[in-house]
Amino acid sequence: MPIVSKPHRTPSLKKEQANKAWYVVDAEGKTLGRLASEIAHRLRGKHKPTFTPNVDCGDNIIVINAAKVAVTGSKETQKEYFHHSRYPGGMTATTLQNMRVKHPEKILYEAVKGMLPKSKLGAEMLTHFRIFPGNEHNLGAQKPVKLEL
């Protein structure tokens, strides 16, 4: 029986072939987990038809108003972020409420970081993610497009 069409090959991108765009996301009033999930999806590049798991083919994301991200329930007082100094008894815990006052951009950073691969590729994807606690950002030269998530 003759083959009617050419055999299909799944496209596999190289790093140079990836088309990366810049987007601005306003986090004001958005739920933390849902926003982080969508950002991680876009940083990874899974929304593109040319997604390749072993290549950084995702977009660059700028988040503004990260200090105004919303959480549901009693997470504001009960959710804790842990840090260990690697010395005995060196673990410290910070609540979401205190983190919002001291480092508001770290709330979204930690949420997105946990949703990316735990490898060198995940660390590289995380470098394409910029967070600003206020309404202004200094990346206007990249001509980012507003993205509604």
Protein backbone atom coordinates (compact mmCIF):
# COMPACT_ATOMS: atom_id res chain seq x y z
CA MET A 1 0.00 0.00 0.00
CA PRO A 2 1.58 3.34 -1.01
CA ILE A 3 2.05 6.20 1.46
CA VAL A 4 -0.18 9.10 0.48
CA SER A 5 1.53 11.83 2.49
CA LYS A 6 4.98 12.50 3.93
CA PRO A 7 5.61 11.17 7.43
CA HIS A 8 4.66 13.73 10.06
CA ARG A 9 7.47 15.10 12.24
CA THR A 10 6.83 16.93 15.47
CA PRO A 11 8.54 20.33 15.32
CA SER A 12 11.36 20.77 17.81
CA LEU A 13 12.52 24.35 18.29
CA LYS A 14 16.03 25.50 18.90
CA LYS A 15 16.69 28.39 21.30
CA GLU A 16 17.39 30.79 18.41
CA GLN A 17 14.05 29.99 16.74
CA ALA A 18 11.90 30.88 19.75
CA ASN A 19 9.82 34.04 19.28
CA LYS A 20 9.66 35.80 22.64
CA ALA A 21 7.26 38.69 23.23
CA TRP A 22 6.95 41.11 26.19
CA TYR A 23 3.70 41.37 28.14
CA VAL A 24 2.50 43.50 31.07
CA VAL A 25 0.08 41.98 33.58
CA ASP A 26 -1.78 44.04 36.18
CA ALA A 27 -2.09 41.95 39.37
CA GLU A 28 -4.45 44.28 41.22
CA GLY A 29 -7.40 42.32 42.58
CA LYS A 30 -6.35 39.02 40.93
CA THR A 31 -6.21 35.83 43.01
CA LEU A 32 -2.63 34.79 43.78
CA GLY A 33 -2.70 31.12 42.75
CA ARG A 34 -4.71 31.56 39.57
CA LEU A 35 -2.52 34.45 38.43
CA ALA A 36 0.70 32.57 39.24
CA SER A 37 -0.52 29.52 37.35
CA GLU A 38 -1.26 31.52 34.20
CA ILE A 39 2.06 33.39 34.39
CA ALA A 40 4.00 30.12 34.81
CA HIS A 41 2.10 28.70 31.81
CA ARG A 42 3.18 31.64 29.67
CA LEU A 43 6.77 31.71 30.96
CA ARG A 44 7.10 28.05 30.06
CA GLY A 45 5.65 28.65 26.56
CA LYS A 46 2.90 26.04 26.79
CA HIS A 47 0.38 28.40 25.17
CA LYS A 48 2.31 28.27 21.87
CA PRO A 49 1.81 25.59 19.21
CA THR A 50 5.61 25.31 18.91
CA PHE A 51 6.12 24.37 22.60
CA THR A 52 9.28 22.34 23.15
CA PRO A 53 9.79 21.01 26.71
CA ASN A 54 13.58 21.24 26.70
CA VAL A 55 13.85 24.79 25.29
CA ASP A 56 13.03 28.15 26.87
CA CYS A 57 10.39 29.23 24.35
CA GLY A 58 8.12 31.21 26.71
CA ASP A 59 7.42 34.93 26.76
CA ASN A 60 8.75 37.72 28.99
CA ILE A 61 6.26 38.82 31.65
CA ILE A 62 6.21 42.11 33.58
CA VAL A 63 3.84 42.26 36.56
CA ILE A 64 2.74 45.59 38.04
CA ASN A 65 0.75 46.19 41.25
CA ALA A 66 2.07 42.95 42.77
CA ALA A 67 1.47 44.35 46.26
CA LYS A 68 -2.28 44.40 45.57
CA VAL A 69 -2.65 40.71 44.66
CA ALA A 70 -5.59 39.10 46.47
CA VAL A 71 -5.77 35.91 48.50
CA THR A 72 -8.89 34.08 49.62
CA GLY A 73 -9.94 32.85 53.03
CA SER A 74 -7.64 33.42 56.01
CA LYS A 75 -4.38 33.00 54.07
CA GLU A 76 -3.40 36.59 54.84
CA THR A 77 -2.63 35.65 58.45
CA GLN A 78 -2.15 31.86 58.25
CA LYS A 79 0.02 31.34 55.16
CA GLU A 80 3.72 31.24 56.05
CA TYR A 81 6.93 31.49 54.05
CA PHE A 82 9.88 29.56 55.45
CA HIS A 83 13.60 30.30 55.23
CA HIS A 84 16.44 28.29 56.72
CA SER A 85 19.95 29.64 57.30
CA ARG A 86 21.41 26.07 57.27
CA TYR A 87 22.48 26.44 60.89
CA PRO A 88 20.80 24.39 63.62
CA GLY A 89 17.63 26.14 64.70
CA GLY A 90 17.99 28.61 61.83
CA MET A 91 14.49 28.32 60.38
CA THR A 92 12.42 31.50 60.27
CA ALA A 93 8.79 31.82 59.24
CA THR A 94 7.13 34.94 57.86
CA THR A 95 3.39 35.34 57.38
CA LEU A 96 1.89 36.60 54.14
CA GLN A 97 0.80 39.76 55.95
CA ASN A 98 4.39 40.60 56.96
CA MET A 99 5.74 39.62 53.55
CA ARG A 100 3.27 42.03 51.91
CA VAL A 101 4.72 44.87 54.00
CA LYS A 102 8.43 44.04 53.65
CA HIS A 103 8.78 42.37 50.21
CA PRO A 104 5.46 42.45 48.32
CA GLU A 105 7.03 41.25 45.05
CA LYS A 106 8.30 38.04 46.72
CA ILE A 107 4.74 36.76 47.22
CA LEU A 108 4.13 36.34 43.50
CA TYR A 109 7.76 35.37 42.82
CA GLU A 110 7.61 32.39 45.20
CA ALA A 111 4.24 31.26 43.81
CA VAL A 112 5.46 31.29 40.19
CA LYS A 113 8.82 29.75 41.09
CA GLY A 114 7.05 26.76 42.63
CA MET A 115 5.16 26.15 39.38
CA LEU A 116 8.19 26.09 37.07
CA PRO A 117 10.57 23.15 36.52
CA LYS A 118 13.17 22.61 39.25
CA SER A 119 16.17 22.67 36.89
CA LYS A 120 18.53 25.03 35.10
CA LEU A 121 15.82 25.57 32.50
CA GLY A 122 13.33 26.64 35.19
CA ALA A 123 15.89 29.06 36.64
CA GLU A 124 16.43 30.53 33.17
CA MET A 125 12.67 30.95 32.64
CA LEU A 126 12.45 32.76 35.96
CA THR A 127 14.89 35.42 34.68
CA HIS A 128 12.24 36.45 32.12
CA PHE A 129 9.82 37.39 34.89
CA ARG A 130 9.93 40.92 36.36
CA ILE A 131 7.79 42.05 39.27
CA PHE A 132 7.06 45.60 40.43
CA PRO A 133 5.06 46.30 43.61
CA GLY A 134 3.67 49.59 42.30
CA ASN A 135 1.98 50.83 39.15
CA GLU A 136 5.18 51.87 37.33
CA HIS A 137 7.87 49.77 35.65
CA ASN A 138 11.15 50.71 33.97
CA LEU A 139 10.90 48.38 30.95
CA GLY A 140 9.05 50.68 28.57
CA ALA A 141 11.82 50.35 25.97
CA GLN A 142 10.76 46.71 25.37
CA LYS A 143 7.32 47.95 24.19
CA PRO A 144 5.33 45.43 26.25
CA VAL A 145 1.75 44.61 25.30
CA LYS A 146 -0.97 44.61 27.98
CA LEU A 147 -2.09 41.06 28.72
CA GLU A 148 -5.41 40.41 30.45
CA LEU A 149 -5.35 37.18 32.47
